[in-house]
Amino acid sequence: MSKANRLRRAARPAPFRNAKKRILVVCEGSTEKEYVDGYVLSLRSSLVVAVEAIGNSGVPISVVETARELMRSNAAQAIADKDSNISFDSVWVIFDIDEHPRVEDAKIMARDNQIEVAV
Protein backbone atom coordinates (compact mmCIF):
# COMPACT_ATOMS: atom_id res chain seq x y z
CA MET A 1 0.00 0.00 0.00
CA SER A 2 1.44 3.34 -0.95
CA LYS A 3 1.87 6.21 1.47
CA ALA A 4 -0.69 8.30 -0.47
CA ASN A 5 -3.46 5.75 0.13
CA ARG A 6 -2.82 5.62 3.88
CA LEU A 7 -3.17 9.39 4.21
CA ARG A 8 -6.30 9.58 2.16
CA ARG A 9 -9.54 10.54 3.87
CA ALA A 10 -12.70 8.51 3.65
CA ALA A 11 -14.96 9.43 0.74
CA ARG A 12 -17.91 10.33 2.98
CA PRO A 13 -18.17 11.48 6.54
CA ALA A 14 -19.90 9.21 9.02
CA PRO A 15 -23.68 9.68 9.04
CA PHE A 16 -25.19 11.69 11.86
CA ARG A 17 -28.37 13.52 12.59
CA ASN A 18 -28.94 16.20 15.18
CA ALA A 19 -31.88 15.45 17.41
CA LYS A 20 -34.71 17.89 16.93
CA LYS A 21 -35.65 20.22 19.74
CA ARG A 22 -38.51 18.98 21.88
CA ILE A 23 -40.78 21.60 23.34
CA LEU A 24 -43.69 21.05 25.69
CA VAL A 25 -46.41 23.70 25.57
CA VAL A 26 -49.23 23.53 28.10
CA CYS A 27 -52.11 25.86 27.26
CA GLU A 28 -55.00 27.20 29.27
CA GLY A 29 -57.56 26.44 26.60
CA SER A 30 -58.11 24.93 23.19
CA THR A 31 -57.75 28.26 21.36
CA GLU A 32 -54.16 28.69 22.51
CA LYS A 33 -53.43 25.08 21.50
CA GLU A 34 -54.78 25.81 18.02
CA TYR A 35 -52.45 28.83 17.75
CA VAL A 36 -49.45 26.70 18.71
CA ASP A 37 -50.42 23.90 16.34
CA GLY A 38 -50.83 26.45 13.53
CA TYR A 39 -47.42 27.93 14.24
CA VAL A 40 -45.78 24.52 14.16
CA LEU A 41 -47.43 23.80 10.81
CA SER A 42 -46.12 27.11 9.47
CA LEU A 43 -42.54 25.99 10.23
CA ARG A 44 -42.90 23.35 7.50
CA SER A 45 -40.08 21.28 8.91
CA SER A 46 -40.49 18.22 11.07
CA LEU A 47 -36.71 18.11 11.53
CA VAL A 48 -36.49 21.34 13.53
CA VAL A 49 -38.85 20.96 16.42
CA ALA A 50 -41.33 18.57 17.99
CA VAL A 51 -44.00 20.44 19.94
CA GLU A 52 -46.41 18.69 22.25
CA ALA A 53 -49.24 21.13 22.89
CA ILE A 54 -51.75 20.22 25.58
CA GLY A 55 -54.90 22.33 25.82
CA ASN A 56 -57.74 22.83 28.30
CA SER A 57 -55.55 22.77 31.39
CA GLY A 58 -57.59 25.26 33.40
CA VAL A 59 -56.58 28.36 35.32
CA PRO A 60 -52.97 29.65 35.23
CA ILE A 61 -51.81 27.93 38.44
CA SER A 62 -53.12 24.55 37.26
CA VAL A 63 -51.55 25.10 33.82
CA VAL A 64 -48.15 25.54 35.49
CA GLU A 65 -48.75 22.56 37.80
CA THR A 66 -49.61 20.39 34.78
CA ALA A 67 -46.47 21.54 32.95
CA ARG A 68 -44.32 20.88 36.02
CA GLU A 69 -45.67 17.35 36.43
CA LEU A 70 -45.28 16.52 32.72
CA MET A 71 -41.75 17.91 32.77
CA ARG A 72 -40.82 15.81 35.80
CA SER A 73 -42.32 12.60 34.45
CA ASN A 74 -40.61 13.18 31.10
CA ALA A 75 -37.23 13.70 32.81
CA ALA A 76 -37.73 10.52 34.85
CA GLN A 77 -38.61 8.59 31.68
CA ALA A 78 -35.49 9.91 29.92
CA ILE A 79 -33.35 8.71 32.83
CA ALA A 80 -35.07 5.31 32.95
CA ASP A 81 -34.64 4.84 29.19
CA LYS A 82 -31.11 6.28 29.26
CA ASP A 83 -32.09 8.47 26.33
CA SER A 84 -31.59 12.21 26.71
CA ASN A 85 -33.15 12.80 23.29
CA ILE A 86 -36.64 12.23 24.66
CA SER A 87 -36.40 14.92 27.32
CA PHE A 88 -37.89 18.33 26.68
CA ASP A 89 -35.48 21.11 25.69
CA SER A 90 -37.90 23.73 26.96
CA VAL A 91 -41.29 23.88 28.62
CA TRP A 92 -43.78 26.69 28.08
CA VAL A 93 -47.15 27.60 29.54
CA ILE A 94 -49.64 29.83 27.76
CA PHE A 95 -52.53 31.49 29.55
CA ASP A 96 -54.45 34.72 29.58
CA ILE A 97 -54.62 36.89 32.67
CA ASP A 98 -58.14 38.29 32.57
CA GLU A 99 -59.74 37.82 35.98
CA HIS A 100 -57.89 34.63 36.92
CA PRO A 101 -56.93 34.07 40.53
CA ARG A 102 -53.29 33.57 41.54
CA VAL A 103 -51.71 34.72 38.25
CA GLU A 104 -48.64 36.05 40.09
CA ASP A 105 -48.32 32.76 42.00
CA ALA A 106 -48.43 30.91 38.67
CA LYS A 107 -45.68 33.11 37.22
CA ILE A 108 -43.50 32.58 40.30
CA MET A 109 -44.04 28.81 40.24
CA ALA A 110 -43.15 28.74 36.55
CA ARG A 111 -39.98 30.75 37.12
CA ASP A 112 -38.93 28.51 40.02
CA ASN A 113 -39.33 25.41 37.81
CA GLN A 114 -37.57 26.82 34.72
CA ILE A 115 -40.86 27.02 32.80
CA GLU A 116 -41.28 29.83 30.28
CA VAL A 117 -44.49 31.86 30.40
CA ALA A 118 -46.44 33.42 27.54
CA VAL A 119 -49.51 35.47 28.45
C-alpha atoms as a PDB file:
ATOM      1  CA  MET A   1       0.000   0.000   0.000  1.00  0.00           C
ATOM      2  CA  SER A   2       1.437   3.339  -0.949  1.00  0.00           C
ATOM      3  CA  LYS A   3       1.866   6.214   1.473  1.00  0.00           C
ATOM      4  CA  ALA A   4      -0.685   8.304  -0.472  1.00  0.00           C
ATOM      5  CA  ASN A   5      -3.459   5.748   0.135  1.00  0.00           C
ATOM      6  CA  ARG A   6      -2.818   5.618   3.880  1.00  0.00           C
ATOM      7  CA  LEU A   7      -3.167   9.395   4.209  1.00  0.00           C
ATOM      8  CA  ARG A   8      -6.299   9.579   2.156  1.00  0.00           C
ATOM      9  CA  ARG A   9      -9.541  10.538   3.870  1.00  0.00           C
ATOM     10  CA  ALA A  10     -12.703   8.511   3.655  1.00  0.00           C
ATOM     11  CA  ALA A  11     -14.960   9.429   0.742  1.00  0.00           C
ATOM     12  CA  ARG A  12     -17.908  10.329   2.978  1.00  0.00           C
ATOM     13  CA  PRO A  13     -18.170  11.481   6.543  1.00  0.00           C
ATOM     14  CA  ALA A  14     -19.902   9.206   9.020  1.00  0.00           C
ATOM     15  CA  PRO A  15     -23.681   9.683   9.042  1.00  0.00           C
ATOM     16  CA  PHE A  16     -25.187  11.691  11.858  1.00  0.00           C
ATOM     17  CA  ARG A  17     -28.369  13.518  12.591  1.00  0.00           C
ATOM     18  CA  ASN A  18     -28.937  16.198  15.181  1.00  0.00           C
ATOM     19  CA  ALA A  19     -31.881  15.447  17.409  1.00  0.00           C
ATOM     20  CA  LYS A  20     -34.709  17.894  16.926  1.00  0.00           C
ATOM     21  CA  LYS A  21     -35.649  20.224  19.736  1.00  0.00           C
ATOM     22  CA  ARG A  22     -38.511  18.975  21.881  1.00  0.00           C
ATOM     23  CA  ILE A  23     -40.783  21.602  23.342  1.00  0.00           C
ATOM     24  CA  LEU A  24     -43.692  21.054  25.685  1.00  0.00           C
ATOM     25  CA  VAL A  25     -46.409  23.703  25.568  1.00  0.00           C
ATOM     26  CA  VAL A  26     -49.231  23.535  28.098  1.00  0.00           C
ATOM     27  CA  CYS A  27     -52.113  25.861  27.262  1.00  0.00           C
ATOM     28  CA  GLU A  28     -54.995  27.200  29.270  1.00  0.00           C
ATOM     29  CA  GLY A  29     -57.561  26.437  26.596  1.00  0.00           C
ATOM     30  CA  SER A  30     -58.107  24.932  23.187  1.00  0.00           C
ATOM     31  CA  THR A  31     -57.752  28.264  21.355  1.00  0.00           C
ATOM     32  CA  GLU A  32     -54.156  28.688  22.513  1.00  0.00           C
ATOM     33  CA  LYS A  33     -53.426  25.082  21.499  1.00  0.00           C
ATOM     34  CA  GLU A  34     -54.781  25.813  18.022  1.00  0.00           C
ATOM     35  CA  TYR A  35     -52.447  28.828  17.754  1.00  0.00           C
ATOM     36  CA  VAL A  36     -49.445  26.698  18.709  1.00  0.00           C
ATOM     37  CA  ASP A  37     -50.417  23.897  16.341  1.00  0.00           C
ATOM     38  CA  GLY A  38     -50.834  26.447  13.530  1.00  0.00           C
ATOM     39  CA  TYR A  39     -47.424  27.926  14.241  1.00  0.00           C
ATOM     40  CA  VAL A  40     -45.783  24.519  14.159  1.00  0.00           C
ATOM     41  CA  LEU A  41     -47.425  23.799  10.806  1.00  0.00           C
ATOM     42  CA  SER A  42     -46.117  27.108   9.465  1.00  0.00           C
ATOM     43  CA  LEU A  43     -42.545  25.988  10.233  1.00  0.00           C
ATOM     44  CA  ARG A  44     -42.897  23.349   7.496  1.00  0.00           C
ATOM     45  CA  SER A  45     -40.075  21.280   8.905  1.00  0.00           C
ATOM     46  CA  SER A  46     -40.489  18.219  11.067  1.00  0.00           C
ATOM     47  CA  LEU A  47     -36.711  18.113  11.533  1.00  0.00           C
ATOM     48  CA  VAL A  48     -36.495  21.338  13.528  1.00  0.00           C
ATOM     49  CA  VAL A  49     -38.853  20.960  16.425  1.00  0.00           C
ATOM     50  CA  ALA A  50     -41.335  18.570  17.987  1.00  0.00           C
ATOM     51  CA  VAL A  51     -43.997  20.437  19.938  1.00  0.00           C
ATOM     52  CA  GLU A  52     -46.407  18.693  22.248  1.00  0.00           C
ATOM     53  CA  ALA A  53     -49.245  21.129  22.895  1.00  0.00           C
ATOM     54  CA  ILE A  54     -51.748  20.225  25.578  1.00  0.00           C
ATOM     55  CA  GLY A  55     -54.900  22.330  25.820  1.00  0.00           C
ATOM     56  CA  ASN A  56     -57.740  22.829  28.301  1.00  0.00           C
ATOM     57  CA  SER A  57     -55.554  22.769  31.392  1.00  0.00           C
ATOM     58  CA  GLY A  58     -57.593  25.264  33.401  1.00  0.00           C
ATOM     59  CA  VAL A  59     -56.580  28.362  35.320  1.00  0.00           C
ATOM     60  CA  PRO A  60     -52.974  29.650  35.233  1.00  0.00           C
ATOM     61  CA  ILE A  61     -51.812  27.931  38.436  1.00  0.00           C
ATOM     62  CA  SER A  62     -53.122  24.545  37.259  1.00  0.00           C
ATOM     63  CA  VAL A  63     -51.550  25.099  33.817  1.00  0.00           C
ATOM     64  CA  VAL A  64     -48.150  25.543  35.495  1.00  0.00           C
ATOM     65  CA  GLU A  65     -48.746  22.564  37.797  1.00  0.00           C
ATOM     66  CA  THR A  66     -49.608  20.390  34.777  1.00  0.00           C
ATOM     67  CA  ALA A  67     -46.472  21.541  32.952  1.00  0.00           C
ATOM     68  CA  ARG A  68     -44.321  20.878  36.020  1.00  0.00           C
ATOM     69  CA  GLU A  69     -45.669  17.346  36.428  1.00  0.00           C
ATOM     70  CA  LEU A  70     -45.283  16.524  32.724  1.00  0.00           C
ATOM     71  CA  MET A  71     -41.746  17.912  32.769  1.00  0.00           C
ATOM     72  CA  ARG A  72     -40.823  15.811  35.803  1.00  0.00           C
ATOM     73  CA  SER A  73     -42.322  12.599  34.451  1.00  0.00           C
ATOM     74  CA  ASN A  74     -40.605  13.177  31.101  1.00  0.00           C
ATOM     75  CA  ALA A  75     -37.233  13.698  32.814  1.00  0.00           C
ATOM     76  CA  ALA A  76     -37.731  10.524  34.849  1.00  0.00           C
ATOM     77  CA  GLN A  77     -38.610   8.589  31.683  1.00  0.00           C
ATOM     78  CA  ALA A  78     -35.492   9.909  29.921  1.00  0.00           C
ATOM     79  CA  ILE A  79     -33.349   8.712  32.829  1.00  0.00           C
ATOM     80  CA  ALA A  80     -35.071   5.309  32.951  1.00  0.00           C
ATOM     81  CA  ASP A  81     -34.644   4.844  29.190  1.00  0.00           C
ATOM     82  CA  LYS A  82     -31.113   6.278  29.263  1.00  0.00           C
ATOM     83  CA  ASP A  83     -32.094   8.475  26.326  1.00  0.00           C
ATOM     84  CA  SER A  84     -31.588  12.208  26.711  1.00  0.00           C
ATOM     85  CA  ASN A  85     -33.149  12.796  23.286  1.00  0.00           C
ATOM     86  CA  ILE A  86     -36.644  12.226  24.656  1.00  0.00           C
ATOM     87  CA  SER A  87     -36.400  14.916  27.318  1.00  0.00           C
ATOM     88  CA  PHE A  88     -37.887  18.333  26.676  1.00  0.00           C
ATOM     89  CA  ASP A  89     -35.479  21.105  25.686  1.00  0.00           C
ATOM     90  CA  SER A  90     -37.899  23.730  26.957  1.00  0.00           C
ATOM     91  CA  VAL A  91     -41.285  23.877  28.621  1.00  0.00           C
ATOM     92  CA  TRP A  92     -43.783  26.690  28.080  1.00  0.00           C
ATOM     93  CA  VAL A  93     -47.147  27.601  29.538  1.00  0.00           C
ATOM     94  CA  ILE A  94     -49.636  29.828  27.764  1.00  0.00           C
ATOM     95  CA  PHE A  95     -52.532  31.486  29.547  1.00  0.00           C
ATOM     96  CA  ASP A  96     -54.449  34.723  29.583  1.00  0.00           C
ATOM     97  CA  ILE A  97     -54.623  36.888  32.670  1.00  0.00           C
ATOM     98  CA  ASP A  98     -58.136  38.287  32.572  1.00  0.00           C
ATOM     99  CA  GLU A  99     -59.741  37.817  35.982  1.00  0.00           C
ATOM    100  CA  HIS A 100     -57.894  34.634  36.918  1.00  0.00           C
ATOM    101  CA  PRO A 101     -56.926  34.067  40.529  1.00  0.00           C
ATOM    102  CA  ARG A 102     -53.286  33.570  41.536  1.00  0.00           C
ATOM    103  CA  VAL A 103     -51.712  34.724  38.250  1.00  0.00           C
ATOM    104  CA  GLU A 104     -48.636  36.054  40.086  1.00  0.00           C
ATOM    105  CA  ASP A 105     -48.317  32.762  41.999  1.00  0.00           C
ATOM    106  CA  ALA A 106     -48.428  30.908  38.665  1.00  0.00           C
ATOM    107  CA  LYS A 107     -45.681  33.113  37.225  1.00  0.00           C
ATOM    108  CA  ILE A 108     -43.497  32.581  40.301  1.00  0.00           C
ATOM    109  CA  MET A 109     -44.040  28.809  40.243  1.00  0.00           C
ATOM    110  CA  ALA A 110     -43.152  28.738  36.552  1.00  0.00           C
ATOM    111  CA  ARG A 111     -39.978  30.749  37.124  1.00  0.00           C
ATOM    112  CA  ASP A 112     -38.930  28.512  40.020  1.00  0.00           C
ATOM    113  CA  ASN A 113     -39.335  25.414  37.813  1.00  0.00           C
ATOM    114  CA  GLN A 114     -37.574  26.820  34.717  1.00  0.00           C
ATOM    115  CA  ILE A 115     -40.857  27.017  32.799  1.00  0.00           C
ATOM    116  CA  GLU A 116     -41.279  29.826  30.285  1.00  0.00           C
ATOM    117  CA  VAL A 117     -44.491  31.860  30.399  1.00  0.00           C
ATOM    118  CA  ALA A 118     -46.441  33.422  27.543  1.00  0.00           C
ATOM    119  CA  VAL A 119     -49.510  35.473  28.451  1.00  0.00           C
END
